[in-house]
Structure formats: C-alpha cells, structure tokens
PDB file of N, CA and C in Angstrom:
ATOM      1  N   MET A   1       0.861  -1.178   0.000  1.00  0.00           N
ATOM      2  CA  MET A   1       0.000   0.000   0.000  1.00  0.00           C
ATOM      3  C   MET A   1       0.900   1.231   0.000  1.00  0.00           C
ATOM      4  N   ILE A   2       0.577   2.189  -0.864  1.00  0.00           N
ATOM      5  CA  ILE A   2       1.341   3.433  -0.965  1.00  0.00           C
ATOM      6  C   ILE A   2       0.940   4.370   0.181  1.00  0.00           C
ATOM      7  N   PRO A   3       1.919   5.001   0.833  1.00  0.00           N
ATOM      8  CA  PRO A   3       1.584   5.953   1.900  1.00  0.00           C
ATOM      9  C   PRO A   3       0.744   7.114   1.351  1.00  0.00           C
ATOM     10  N   LEU A   4      -0.174   7.608   2.157  1.00  0.00           N
ATOM     11  CA  LEU A   4      -1.111   8.650   1.746  1.00  0.00           C
ATOM     12  C   LEU A   4      -0.397   9.891   1.208  1.00  0.00           C
ATOM     13  N   GLU A   5       0.644  10.345   1.879  1.00  0.00           N
ATOM     14  CA  GLU A   5       1.339  11.553   1.435  1.00  0.00           C
ATOM     15  C   GLU A   5       2.010  11.342   0.083  1.00  0.00           C
ATOM     16  N   GLN A   6       2.537  10.163  -0.177  1.00  0.00           N
ATOM     17  CA  GLN A   6       3.131   9.870  -1.484  1.00  0.00           C
ATOM     18  C   GLN A   6       2.058   9.903  -2.576  1.00  0.00           C
ATOM     19  N   PHE A   7       0.908   9.340  -2.277  1.00  0.00           N
ATOM     20  CA  PHE A   7      -0.205   9.344  -3.231  1.00  0.00           C
ATOM     21  C   PHE A   7      -0.632  10.775  -3.534  1.00  0.00           C
ATOM     22  N   ARG A   8      -0.803  11.582  -2.503  1.00  0.00           N
ATOM     23  CA  ARG A   8      -1.195  12.979  -2.695  1.00  0.00           C
ATOM     24  C   ARG A   8      -0.164  13.733  -3.529  1.00  0.00           C
ATOM     25  N   SER A   9       1.099  13.510  -3.256  1.00  0.00           N
ATOM     26  CA  SER A   9       2.163  14.170  -4.005  1.00  0.00           C
ATOM     27  C   SER A   9       2.112  13.774  -5.481  1.00  0.00           C
ATOM     28  N   ALA A  10       1.887  12.512  -5.753  1.00  0.00           N
ATOM     29  CA  ALA A  10       1.784  12.042  -7.140  1.00  0.00           C
ATOM     30  C   ALA A  10       0.568  12.638  -7.833  1.00  0.00           C
ATOM     31  N   MET A  11      -0.544  12.735  -7.136  1.00  0.00           N
ATOM     32  CA  MET A  11      -1.771  13.266  -7.738  1.00  0.00           C
ATOM     33  C   MET A  11      -1.646  14.765  -8.040  1.00  0.00           C
ATOM     34  N   ARG A  12      -0.813  15.481  -7.288  1.00  0.00           N
ATOM     35  CA  ARG A  12      -0.591  16.907  -7.563  1.00  0.00           C
ATOM     36  C   ARG A  12       0.114  17.111  -8.899  1.00  0.00           C
ATOM     37  N   ARG A  13       0.824  16.107  -9.341  1.00  0.00           N
ATOM     38  CA  ARG A  13       1.554  16.189 -10.602  1.00  0.00           C
ATOM     39  C   ARG A  13       0.722  15.692 -11.786  1.00  0.00           C
ATOM     40  N   LEU A  14      -0.394  15.115 -11.520  1.00  0.00           N
ATOM     41  CA  LEU A  14      -1.277  14.604 -12.561  1.00  0.00           C
ATOM     42  C   LEU A  14      -1.970  15.775 -13.243  1.00  0.00           C
ATOM     43  N   THR A  15      -1.739  15.914 -14.525  1.00  0.00           N
ATOM     44  CA  THR A  15      -2.355  17.028 -15.239  1.00  0.00           C
ATOM     45  C   THR A  15      -3.685  16.599 -15.847  1.00  0.00           C
ATOM     46  N   ALA A  16      -4.573  17.542 -15.938  1.00  0.00           N
ATOM     47  CA  ALA A  16      -5.897  17.283 -16.510  1.00  0.00           C
ATOM     48  C   ALA A  16      -6.386  18.539 -17.203  1.00  0.00           C
ATOM     49  N   THR A  17      -7.240  18.338 -18.161  1.00  0.00           N
ATOM     50  CA  THR A  17      -7.858  19.467 -18.843  1.00  0.00           C
ATOM     51  C   THR A  17      -8.848  20.126 -17.901  1.00  0.00           C
ATOM     52  N   VAL A  18      -8.868  21.435 -17.925  1.00  0.00           N
ATOM     53  CA  VAL A  18      -9.817  22.178 -17.102  1.00  0.00           C
ATOM     54  C   VAL A  18     -11.001  22.577 -17.974  1.00  0.00           C
ATOM     55  N   SER A  19     -12.189  22.312 -17.477  1.00  0.00           N
ATOM     56  CA  SER A  19     -13.418  22.664 -18.182  1.00  0.00           C
ATOM     57  C   SER A  19     -14.254  23.590 -17.318  1.00  0.00           C
ATOM     58  N   VAL A  20     -15.088  24.381 -17.963  1.00  0.00           N
ATOM     59  CA  VAL A  20     -16.040  25.219 -17.247  1.00  0.00           C
ATOM     60  C   VAL A  20     -17.423  24.638 -17.495  1.00  0.00           C
ATOM     61  N   ILE A  21     -18.111  24.285 -16.414  1.00  0.00           N
ATOM     62  CA  ILE A  21     -19.462  23.757 -16.484  1.00  0.00           C
ATOM     63  C   ILE A  21     -20.392  24.908 -16.140  1.00  0.00           C
ATOM     64  N   SER A  22     -21.376  25.174 -16.998  1.00  0.00           N
ATOM     65  CA  SER A  22     -22.282  26.291 -16.718  1.00  0.00           C
ATOM     66  C   SER A  22     -23.720  25.905 -17.028  1.00  0.00           C
ATOM     67  N   VAL A  23     -24.631  26.620 -16.382  1.00  0.00           N
ATOM     68  CA  VAL A  23     -26.059  26.383 -16.552  1.00  0.00           C
ATOM     69  C   VAL A  23     -26.786  27.717 -16.371  1.00  0.00           C
ATOM     70  N   ALA A  24     -27.862  27.881 -17.107  1.00  0.00           N
ATOM     71  CA  ALA A  24     -28.718  29.062 -16.925  1.00  0.00           C
ATOM     72  C   ALA A  24     -29.997  28.586 -16.253  1.00  0.00           C
ATOM     73  N   ARG A  25     -30.343  29.237 -15.162  1.00  0.00           N
ATOM     74  CA  ARG A  25     -31.530  28.850 -14.400  1.00  0.00           C
ATOM     75  C   ARG A  25     -32.221  30.110 -13.911  1.00  0.00           C
ATOM     76  N   ALA A  26     -33.489  30.239 -14.172  1.00  0.00           N
ATOM     77  CA  ALA A  26     -34.281  31.396 -13.736  1.00  0.00           C
ATOM     78  C   ALA A  26     -33.655  32.708 -14.208  1.00  0.00           C
ATOM     79  N   GLY A  27     -33.142  32.708 -15.441  1.00  0.00           N
ATOM     80  CA  GLY A  27     -32.581  33.919 -16.005  1.00  0.00           C
ATOM     81  C   GLY A  27     -31.190  34.280 -15.520  1.00  0.00           C
ATOM     82  N   GLU A  28     -30.570  33.449 -14.693  1.00  0.00           N
ATOM     83  CA  GLU A  28     -29.223  33.700 -14.184  1.00  0.00           C
ATOM     84  C   GLU A  28     -28.293  32.592 -14.640  1.00  0.00           C
ATOM     85  N   ARG A  29     -27.035  32.960 -14.883  1.00  0.00           N
ATOM     86  CA  ARG A  29     -26.024  31.980 -15.268  1.00  0.00           C
ATOM     87  C   ARG A  29     -25.159  31.634 -14.073  1.00  0.00           C
ATOM     88  N   HIS A  30     -24.836  30.358 -13.960  1.00  0.00           N
ATOM     89  CA  HIS A  30     -23.999  29.850 -12.869  1.00  0.00           C
ATOM     90  C   HIS A  30     -22.967  28.911 -13.470  1.00  0.00           C
ATOM     91  N   GLY A  31     -21.790  28.820 -12.856  1.00  0.00           N
ATOM     92  CA  GLY A  31     -20.774  27.931 -13.389  1.00  0.00           C
ATOM     93  C   GLY A  31     -19.712  27.566 -12.382  1.00  0.00           C
ATOM     94  N   MET A  32     -18.867  26.633 -12.788  1.00  0.00           N
ATOM     95  CA  MET A  32     -17.754  26.182 -11.975  1.00  0.00           C
ATOM     96  C   MET A  32     -16.687  25.588 -12.886  1.00  0.00           C
ATOM     97  N   THR A  33     -15.460  25.536 -12.410  1.00  0.00           N
ATOM     98  CA  THR A  33     -14.414  24.837 -13.150  1.00  0.00           C
ATOM     99  C   THR A  33     -14.361  23.398 -12.661  1.00  0.00           C
ATOM    100  N   ALA A  34     -13.960  22.502 -13.556  1.00  0.00           N
ATOM    101  CA  ALA A  34     -13.911  21.080 -13.206  1.00  0.00           C
ATOM    102  C   ALA A  34     -12.838  20.371 -14.017  1.00  0.00           C
ATOM    103  N   THR A  35     -12.238  19.357 -13.428  1.00  0.00           N
ATOM    104  CA  THR A  35     -11.336  18.475 -14.156  1.00  0.00           C
ATOM    105  C   THR A  35     -11.955  17.086 -14.301  1.00  0.00           C
ATOM    106  N   ALA A  36     -13.092  16.867 -13.653  1.00  0.00           N
ATOM    107  CA  ALA A  36     -13.759  15.565 -13.690  1.00  0.00           C
ATOM    108  C   ALA A  36     -14.767  15.520 -14.837  1.00  0.00           C
ATOM    109  N   VAL A  37     -14.239  15.635 -16.072  1.00  0.00           N
ATOM    110  CA  VAL A  37     -15.058  15.575 -17.277  1.00  0.00           C
ATOM    111  C   VAL A  37     -14.364  14.613 -18.235  1.00  0.00           C
ATOM    112  N   THR A  38     -15.105  13.680 -18.785  1.00  0.00           N
ATOM    113  CA  THR A  38     -14.515  12.726 -19.723  1.00  0.00           C
ATOM    114  C   THR A  38     -15.547  12.304 -20.750  1.00  0.00           C
ATOM    115  N   SER A  39     -15.069  11.863 -21.901  1.00  0.00           N
ATOM    116  CA  SER A  39     -15.993  11.380 -22.927  1.00  0.00           C
ATOM    117  C   SER A  39     -16.437   9.965 -22.581  1.00  0.00           C
ATOM    118  N   VAL A  40     -17.686   9.677 -22.911  1.00  0.00           N
ATOM    119  CA  VAL A  40     -18.245   8.349 -22.669  1.00  0.00           C
ATOM    120  C   VAL A  40     -18.392   7.607 -23.992  1.00  0.00           C
ATOM    121  N   SER A  41     -18.953   8.287 -24.999  1.00  0.00           N
ATOM    122  CA  SER A  41     -19.109   7.652 -26.306  1.00  0.00           C
ATOM    123  C   SER A  41     -19.179   8.701 -27.402  1.00  0.00           C
ATOM    124  N   ALA A  42     -18.885   8.263 -28.613  1.00  0.00           N
ATOM    125  CA  ALA A  42     -18.983   9.147 -29.770  1.00  0.00           C
ATOM    126  C   ALA A  42     -20.353   9.034 -30.425  1.00  0.00           C
ATOM    127  N   GLU A  43     -20.984   7.878 -30.302  1.00  0.00           N
ATOM    128  CA  GLU A  43     -22.313   7.634 -30.880  1.00  0.00           C
ATOM    129  C   GLU A  43     -23.231   7.069 -29.820  1.00  0.00           C
ATOM    130  N   PRO A  44     -24.127   7.822 -29.259  1.00  0.00           N
ATOM    131  CA  PRO A  44     -24.293   9.262 -29.429  1.00  0.00           C
ATOM    132  C   PRO A  44     -23.213  10.007 -28.658  1.00  0.00           C
ATOM    133  N   PRO A  45     -22.916  11.249 -29.058  1.00  0.00           N
ATOM    134  CA  PRO A  45     -21.908  12.024 -28.335  1.00  0.00           C
ATOM    135  C   PRO A  45     -22.331  12.220 -26.882  1.00  0.00           C
ATOM    136  N   SER A  46     -21.520  11.722 -25.960  1.00  0.00           N
ATOM    137  CA  SER A  46     -21.878  11.773 -24.533  1.00  0.00           C
ATOM    138  C   SER A  46     -20.660  12.107 -23.687  1.00  0.00           C
ATOM    139  N   LEU A  47     -20.890  12.909 -22.656  1.00  0.00           N
ATOM    140  CA  LEU A  47     -19.859  13.258 -21.684  1.00  0.00           C
ATOM    141  C   LEU A  47     -20.304  12.830 -20.300  1.00  0.00           C
ATOM    142  N   LEU A  48     -19.324  12.541 -19.454  1.00  0.00           N
ATOM    143  CA  LEU A  48     -19.566  12.297 -18.039  1.00  0.00           C
ATOM    144  C   LEU A  48     -18.974  13.475 -17.287  1.00  0.00           C
ATOM    145  N   VAL A  49     -19.803  14.169 -16.512  1.00  0.00           N
ATOM    146  CA  VAL A  49     -19.375  15.309 -15.712  1.00  0.00           C
ATOM    147  C   VAL A  49     -19.668  14.964 -14.259  1.00  0.00           C
ATOM    148  N   CYS A  50     -18.635  14.973 -13.429  1.00  0.00           N
ATOM    149  CA  CYS A  50     -18.800  14.623 -12.013  1.00  0.00           C
ATOM    150  C   CYS A  50     -18.858  15.895 -11.174  1.00  0.00           C
ATOM    151  N   ILE A  51     -19.997  16.097 -10.517  1.00  0.00           N
ATOM    152  CA  ILE A  51     -20.233  17.272  -9.679  1.00  0.00           C
ATOM    153  C   ILE A  51     -20.583  16.789  -8.269  1.00  0.00           C
ATOM    154  N   ASN A  52     -19.932  17.352  -7.271  1.00  0.00           N
ATOM    155  CA  ASN A  52     -20.235  16.991  -5.881  1.00  0.00           C
ATOM    156  C   ASN A  52     -21.668  17.418  -5.544  1.00  0.00           C
ATOM    157  N   ARG A  53     -22.427  16.516  -4.996  1.00  0.00           N
ATOM    158  CA  ARG A  53     -23.820  16.827  -4.645  1.00  0.00           C
ATOM    159  C   ARG A  53     -23.940  17.909  -3.586  1.00  0.00           C
ATOM    160  N   ARG A  54     -22.882  18.144  -2.831  1.00  0.00           N
ATOM    161  CA  ARG A  54     -22.905  19.199  -1.812  1.00  0.00           C
ATOM    162  C   ARG A  54     -22.424  20.537  -2.368  1.00  0.00           C
ATOM    163  N   GLY A  55     -21.995  20.548  -3.633  1.00  0.00           N
ATOM    164  CA  GLY A  55     -21.519  21.783  -4.255  1.00  0.00           C
ATOM    165  C   GLY A  55     -22.682  22.711  -4.583  1.00  0.00           C
ATOM    166  N   ARG A  56     -22.379  23.993  -4.704  1.00  0.00           N
ATOM    167  CA  ARG A  56     -23.429  24.990  -4.965  1.00  0.00           C
ATOM    168  C   ARG A  56     -24.056  24.845  -6.347  1.00  0.00           C
ATOM    169  N   LEU A  57     -23.311  24.297  -7.312  1.00  0.00           N
ATOM    170  CA  LEU A  57     -23.854  24.182  -8.666  1.00  0.00           C
ATOM    171  C   LEU A  57     -24.788  22.983  -8.821  1.00  0.00           C
ATOM    172  N   TYR A  58     -24.607  21.963  -8.001  1.00  0.00           N
ATOM    173  CA  TYR A  58     -25.389  20.733  -8.169  1.00  0.00           C
ATOM    174  C   TYR A  58     -26.904  20.953  -8.188  1.00  0.00           C
ATOM    175  N   PRO A  59     -27.483  21.689  -7.244  1.00  0.00           N
ATOM    176  CA  PRO A  59     -28.945  21.859  -7.288  1.00  0.00           C
ATOM    177  C   PRO A  59     -29.433  22.545  -8.567  1.00  0.00           C
ATOM    178  N   MET A  60     -28.599  23.400  -9.145  1.00  0.00           N
ATOM    179  CA  MET A  60     -28.989  24.083 -10.375  1.00  0.00           C
ATOM    180  C   MET A  60     -28.892  23.170 -11.586  1.00  0.00           C
ATOM    181  N   LEU A  61     -27.959  22.217 -11.546  1.00  0.00           N
ATOM    182  CA  LEU A  61     -27.806  21.260 -12.641  1.00  0.00           C
ATOM    183  C   LEU A  61     -28.831  20.131 -12.563  1.00  0.00           C
ATOM    184  N   ASP A  62     -29.164  19.740 -11.365  1.00  0.00           N
ATOM    185  CA  ASP A  62     -30.062  18.607 -11.152  1.00  0.00           C
ATOM    186  C   ASP A  62     -31.419  18.879 -11.798  1.00  0.00           C
ATOM    187  N   GLY A  63     -31.731  18.127 -12.816  1.00  0.00           N
ATOM    188  CA  GLY A  63     -33.024  18.248 -13.470  1.00  0.00           C
ATOM    189  C   GLY A  63     -33.155  19.410 -14.435  1.00  0.00           C
ATOM    190  N   CYS A  64     -32.059  20.101 -14.761  1.00  0.00           N
ATOM    191  CA  CYS A  64     -32.168  21.270 -15.634  1.00  0.00           C
ATOM    192  C   CYS A  64     -32.389  20.889 -17.096  1.00  0.00           C
ATOM    193  N   GLY A  65     -31.970  19.698 -17.499  1.00  0.00           N
ATOM    194  CA  GLY A  65     -32.177  19.270 -18.876  1.00  0.00           C
ATOM    195  C   GLY A  65     -31.051  19.623 -19.825  1.00  0.00           C
ATOM    196  N   ARG A  66     -30.377  20.748 -19.610  1.00  0.00           N
ATOM    197  CA  ARG A  66     -29.249  21.105 -20.465  1.00  0.00           C
ATOM    198  C   ARG A  66     -28.271  21.997 -19.704  1.00  0.00           C
ATOM    199  N   PHE A  67     -27.016  21.813 -20.047  1.00  0.00           N
ATOM    200  CA  PHE A  67     -25.954  22.616 -19.476  1.00  0.00           C
ATOM    201  C   PHE A  67     -24.832  22.680 -20.495  1.00  0.00           C
ATOM    202  N   CYS A  68     -23.820  23.473 -20.234  1.00  0.00           N
ATOM    203  CA  CYS A  68     -22.736  23.702 -21.178  1.00  0.00           C
ATOM    204  C   CYS A  68     -21.403  23.264 -20.575  1.00  0.00           C
ATOM    205  N   VAL A  69     -20.556  22.647 -21.409  1.00  0.00           N
ATOM    206  CA  VAL A  69     -19.198  22.284 -21.011  1.00  0.00           C
ATOM    207  C   VAL A  69     -18.246  22.976 -21.985  1.00  0.00           C
ATOM    208  N   ASN A  70     -17.399  23.862 -21.490  1.00  0.00           N
ATOM    209  CA  ASN A  70     -16.373  24.525 -22.295  1.00  0.00           C
ATOM    210  C   ASN A  70     -15.012  24.030 -21.852  1.00  0.00           C
ATOM    211  N   VAL A  71     -14.209  23.586 -22.797  1.00  0.00           N
ATOM    212  CA  VAL A  71     -12.847  23.115 -22.506  1.00  0.00           C
ATOM    213  C   VAL A  71     -11.907  24.299 -22.679  1.00  0.00           C
ATOM    214  N   LEU A  72     -11.137  24.606 -21.634  1.00  0.00           N
ATOM    215  CA  LEU A  72     -10.240  25.753 -21.685  1.00  0.00           C
ATOM    216  C   LEU A  72      -8.965  25.413 -22.456  1.00  0.00           C
ATOM    217  N   HIS A  73      -8.490  26.373 -23.210  1.00  0.00           N
ATOM    218  CA  HIS A  73      -7.229  26.249 -23.949  1.00  0.00           C
ATOM    219  C   HIS A  73      -6.077  26.442 -22.981  1.00  0.00           C
ATOM    220  N   ALA A  74      -4.942  25.857 -23.256  1.00  0.00           N
ATOM    221  CA  ALA A  74      -3.780  25.948 -22.365  1.00  0.00           C
ATOM    222  C   ALA A  74      -3.325  27.383 -22.138  1.00  0.00           C
ATOM    223  N   GLN A  75      -3.567  28.266 -23.106  1.00  0.00           N
ATOM    224  CA  GLN A  75      -3.127  29.647 -22.965  1.00  0.00           C
ATOM    225  C   GLN A  75      -4.255  30.521 -22.535  1.00  0.00           C
TER     226      GLN A  75
END
C-alpha cells in the first residue's frame, strides 16, 4: 500500500484538462471549473461530468435538462 502523502504528491503532478461547467436557471447563469469531465461515447456524443452533490452548482444542474461544457485552452 502506498503511503497517503506519497499518493497525494503524485496526484498533484497529474495534469488534466480544465473545463467550465455552466447552466442558466431562472434567467441567471452559474458555473464552476472542473477536471472531472470525460468522454463516454462518440455515438451518441456523450460526456460524463462529475459534480459533488454538496456543491453549490449541483442543485442548479439537477433536473435542468441542459448545461454547457467549455474546454479551456492551455493559454
């Protein structure tokens, strides 16, 4: 078993694409940055977005029907 601090140190070096998840609800826009976004399939085009249920954005996303995922460029 790898010691916890070694695991944390390794995970800090793990790079991931940063995405902005946003939703419009009741005429207001809300969003957050996330690295927990991945493709699921090409047919049909599907993404998996992991949002903490205790996060402020979750209640706005839950049941909204549509939301936006923007992938940020490195620059």
